[in-house]
Amino acid sequence: MEEQPGLSEQYTRASPWPVFVALGLVLTEFGVFLGNYLLPVGVGGVLLLETSVVGILRESGYVDSLWPASLGVGLLVGGVGVALLTVGRFNRGVALAGAGGIAVLAAVGFFCYERGYL
């Protein structure tokens, strides 16, 4: 009989991503709700959240390369940000659109790096 039921030798370490997802959510809401001067904190929180999602996808084996996942997440978040800007949600829209744009630029950088252009 096993001494430690439910444990597997396959998983030797814990994933760090849940901590970063929680921190990204907190920073995003902190920066968006507290207004104009802390809006960069909101953008940083969204970037941390996007990076965590891409890291989770990469770690779990759903994607082989970083740039398609980063491009998809960046376009999705940026599109939601632009949609929020059109309906008058300025702080949240700017945070999401800015972070989406930065994620798309990061995806271009990942693509160039993986293809050997950098």
C-alpha atoms as a PDB file:
ATOM      1  CA  MET A   1       0.000   0.000   0.000  1.00  0.00           C
ATOM      2  CA  GLU A   2       1.239   3.493  -0.796  1.00  0.00           C
ATOM      3  CA  GLU A   3       2.355   5.667   2.081  1.00  0.00           C
ATOM      4  CA  GLN A   4       1.320   8.903   0.346  1.00  0.00           C
ATOM      5  CA  PRO A   5      -1.833   8.284  -1.671  1.00  0.00           C
ATOM      6  CA  GLY A   6      -2.629  10.803  -4.376  1.00  0.00           C
ATOM      7  CA  LEU A   7       0.966  11.914  -4.933  1.00  0.00           C
ATOM      8  CA  SER A   8       2.694  11.161  -8.174  1.00  0.00           C
ATOM      9  CA  GLU A   9       6.354  11.119  -9.103  1.00  0.00           C
ATOM     10  CA  GLN A  10       5.395  12.815 -12.366  1.00  0.00           C
ATOM     11  CA  TYR A  11       4.838  16.189 -10.683  1.00  0.00           C
ATOM     12  CA  THR A  12       8.010  17.101  -8.831  1.00  0.00           C
ATOM     13  CA  ARG A  13       7.395  20.828  -8.364  1.00  0.00           C
ATOM     14  CA  ALA A  14       4.565  23.287  -7.945  1.00  0.00           C
ATOM     15  CA  SER A  15       3.654  25.829 -10.592  1.00  0.00           C
ATOM     16  CA  PRO A  16       4.362  29.489  -9.717  1.00  0.00           C
ATOM     17  CA  TRP A  17       1.651  30.854 -12.027  1.00  0.00           C
ATOM     18  CA  PRO A  18      -1.301  31.049  -9.578  1.00  0.00           C
ATOM     19  CA  VAL A  19       0.592  33.608  -7.491  1.00  0.00           C
ATOM     20  CA  PHE A  20       1.253  35.770 -10.549  1.00  0.00           C
ATOM     21  CA  VAL A  21      -2.350  35.488 -11.749  1.00  0.00           C
ATOM     22  CA  ALA A  22      -3.603  36.684  -8.363  1.00  0.00           C
ATOM     23  CA  LEU A  23      -1.042  39.498  -8.218  1.00  0.00           C
ATOM     24  CA  GLY A  24      -1.930  40.568 -11.768  1.00  0.00           C
ATOM     25  CA  LEU A  25      -5.622  40.763 -10.900  1.00  0.00           C
ATOM     26  CA  VAL A  26      -4.929  42.782  -7.750  1.00  0.00           C
ATOM     27  CA  LEU A  27      -2.602  45.246  -9.497  1.00  0.00           C
ATOM     28  CA  THR A  28      -5.020  45.671 -12.396  1.00  0.00           C
ATOM     29  CA  GLU A  29      -7.952  46.523 -10.168  1.00  0.00           C
ATOM     30  CA  PHE A  30      -5.791  48.710  -7.916  1.00  0.00           C
ATOM     31  CA  GLY A  31      -4.503  50.753 -10.850  1.00  0.00           C
ATOM     32  CA  VAL A  32      -7.869  51.070 -12.576  1.00  0.00           C
ATOM     33  CA  PHE A  33     -10.008  51.911  -9.557  1.00  0.00           C
ATOM     34  CA  LEU A  34      -7.643  54.394  -7.942  1.00  0.00           C
ATOM     35  CA  GLY A  35      -7.461  56.510 -11.021  1.00  0.00           C
ATOM     36  CA  ASN A  36      -5.252  58.579 -13.206  1.00  0.00           C
ATOM     37  CA  TYR A  37      -1.909  58.587 -11.402  1.00  0.00           C
ATOM     38  CA  LEU A  38      -1.920  54.843 -10.790  1.00  0.00           C
ATOM     39  CA  LEU A  39      -3.040  53.859 -14.289  1.00  0.00           C
ATOM     40  CA  PRO A  40       0.467  52.536 -15.156  1.00  0.00           C
ATOM     41  CA  VAL A  41       0.070  50.109 -12.236  1.00  0.00           C
ATOM     42  CA  GLY A  42      -3.121  48.867 -13.916  1.00  0.00           C
ATOM     43  CA  VAL A  43      -1.308  48.398 -17.232  1.00  0.00           C
ATOM     44  CA  GLY A  44       1.457  46.489 -15.441  1.00  0.00           C
ATOM     45  CA  GLY A  45      -1.126  44.291 -13.742  1.00  0.00           C
ATOM     46  CA  VAL A  46      -2.751  43.442 -17.067  1.00  0.00           C
ATOM     47  CA  LEU A  47       0.678  42.640 -18.531  1.00  0.00           C
ATOM     48  CA  LEU A  48       1.441  40.366 -15.572  1.00  0.00           C
ATOM     49  CA  LEU A  49      -1.899  38.643 -16.052  1.00  0.00           C
ATOM     50  CA  GLU A  50      -1.278  38.188 -19.800  1.00  0.00           C
ATOM     51  CA  THR A  51       2.210  36.847 -19.165  1.00  0.00           C
ATOM     52  CA  SER A  52       0.832  34.392 -16.625  1.00  0.00           C
ATOM     53  CA  VAL A  53      -1.754  33.083 -19.084  1.00  0.00           C
ATOM     54  CA  VAL A  54       0.911  32.579 -21.765  1.00  0.00           C
ATOM     55  CA  GLY A  55       3.185  30.893 -19.192  1.00  0.00           C
ATOM     56  CA  ILE A  56       0.416  28.548 -18.089  1.00  0.00           C
ATOM     57  CA  LEU A  57      -0.302  27.610 -21.707  1.00  0.00           C
ATOM     58  CA  ARG A  58       3.390  26.981 -22.358  1.00  0.00           C
ATOM     59  CA  GLU A  59       3.981  25.012 -19.141  1.00  0.00           C
ATOM     60  CA  SER A  60       0.964  22.768 -19.658  1.00  0.00           C
ATOM     61  CA  GLY A  61       2.020  21.978 -23.220  1.00  0.00           C
ATOM     62  CA  TYR A  62      -0.886  23.577 -25.076  1.00  0.00           C
ATOM     63  CA  VAL A  63       1.478  25.741 -27.142  1.00  0.00           C
ATOM     64  CA  ASP A  64       4.975  25.024 -28.407  1.00  0.00           C
ATOM     65  CA  SER A  65       5.946  28.598 -29.154  1.00  0.00           C
ATOM     66  CA  LEU A  66       5.447  31.810 -27.212  1.00  0.00           C
ATOM     67  CA  TRP A  67       4.556  34.170 -30.025  1.00  0.00           C
ATOM     68  CA  PRO A  68       1.154  32.759 -31.161  1.00  0.00           C
ATOM     69  CA  ALA A  69      -0.188  32.638 -27.612  1.00  0.00           C
ATOM     70  CA  SER A  70       1.150  36.098 -26.819  1.00  0.00           C
ATOM     71  CA  LEU A  71      -0.312  37.484 -30.047  1.00  0.00           C
ATOM     72  CA  GLY A  72      -3.709  35.927 -29.372  1.00  0.00           C
ATOM     73  CA  VAL A  73      -3.890  37.137 -25.778  1.00  0.00           C
ATOM     74  CA  GLY A  74      -2.666  40.608 -26.785  1.00  0.00           C
ATOM     75  CA  LEU A  75      -5.228  40.961 -29.571  1.00  0.00           C
ATOM     76  CA  LEU A  76      -8.028  39.732 -27.332  1.00  0.00           C
ATOM     77  CA  VAL A  77      -7.172  42.055 -24.442  1.00  0.00           C
ATOM     78  CA  GLY A  78      -6.472  44.988 -26.766  1.00  0.00           C
ATOM     79  CA  GLY A  79      -9.791  44.466 -28.543  1.00  0.00           C
ATOM     80  CA  VAL A  80     -11.668  44.449 -25.252  1.00  0.00           C
ATOM     81  CA  GLY A  81      -9.818  47.635 -24.273  1.00  0.00           C
ATOM     82  CA  VAL A  82     -10.797  49.409 -27.492  1.00  0.00           C
ATOM     83  CA  ALA A  83     -14.400  48.280 -27.035  1.00  0.00           C
ATOM     84  CA  LEU A  84     -14.401  49.693 -23.496  1.00  0.00           C
ATOM     85  CA  LEU A  85     -12.975  52.974 -24.774  1.00  0.00           C
ATOM     86  CA  THR A  86     -15.844  53.320 -27.235  1.00  0.00           C
ATOM     87  CA  VAL A  87     -18.471  52.968 -24.502  1.00  0.00           C
ATOM     88  CA  GLY A  88     -16.821  55.506 -22.195  1.00  0.00           C
ATOM     89  CA  ARG A  89     -14.880  53.373 -19.686  1.00  0.00           C
ATOM     90  CA  PHE A  90     -11.678  55.403 -19.995  1.00  0.00           C
ATOM     91  CA  ASN A  91      -9.398  54.048 -17.244  1.00  0.00           C
ATOM     92  CA  ARG A  92     -10.172  50.394 -17.809  1.00  0.00           C
ATOM     93  CA  GLY A  93     -10.121  50.802 -21.604  1.00  0.00           C
ATOM     94  CA  VAL A  94      -6.738  52.530 -21.633  1.00  0.00           C
ATOM     95  CA  ALA A  95      -5.228  49.922 -19.311  1.00  0.00           C
ATOM     96  CA  LEU A  96      -6.460  47.013 -21.409  1.00  0.00           C
ATOM     97  CA  ALA A  97      -5.718  48.593 -24.805  1.00  0.00           C
ATOM     98  CA  GLY A  98      -2.221  49.645 -23.727  1.00  0.00           C
ATOM     99  CA  ALA A  99      -1.360  46.257 -22.279  1.00  0.00           C
ATOM    100  CA  GLY A 100      -2.782  44.517 -25.348  1.00  0.00           C
ATOM    101  CA  GLY A 101      -0.604  46.648 -27.610  1.00  0.00           C
ATOM    102  CA  ILE A 102       2.492  45.889 -25.550  1.00  0.00           C
ATOM    103  CA  ALA A 103       1.679  42.155 -25.664  1.00  0.00           C
ATOM    104  CA  VAL A 104       1.355  42.306 -29.463  1.00  0.00           C
ATOM    105  CA  LEU A 105       4.759  44.022 -29.664  1.00  0.00           C
ATOM    106  CA  ALA A 106       6.183  41.315 -27.390  1.00  0.00           C
ATOM    107  CA  ALA A 107       4.716  38.665 -29.703  1.00  0.00           C
ATOM    108  CA  VAL A 108       6.525  40.284 -32.645  1.00  0.00           C
ATOM    109  CA  GLY A 109       9.729  40.198 -30.600  1.00  0.00           C
ATOM    110  CA  PHE A 110       9.204  36.512 -29.734  1.00  0.00           C
ATOM    111  CA  PHE A 111       8.585  35.727 -33.407  1.00  0.00           C
ATOM    112  CA  CYS A 112      11.772  37.512 -34.498  1.00  0.00           C
ATOM    113  CA  TYR A 113      13.790  35.819 -31.748  1.00  0.00           C
ATOM    114  CA  GLU A 114      12.506  32.325 -32.538  1.00  0.00           C
ATOM    115  CA  ARG A 115      13.152  32.791 -36.274  1.00  0.00           C
ATOM    116  CA  GLY A 116      16.694  33.997 -35.621  1.00  0.00           C
ATOM    117  CA  TYR A 117      16.239  37.619 -36.701  1.00  0.00           C
ATOM    118  CA  LEU A 118      17.421  38.933 -33.334  1.00  0.00           C
END
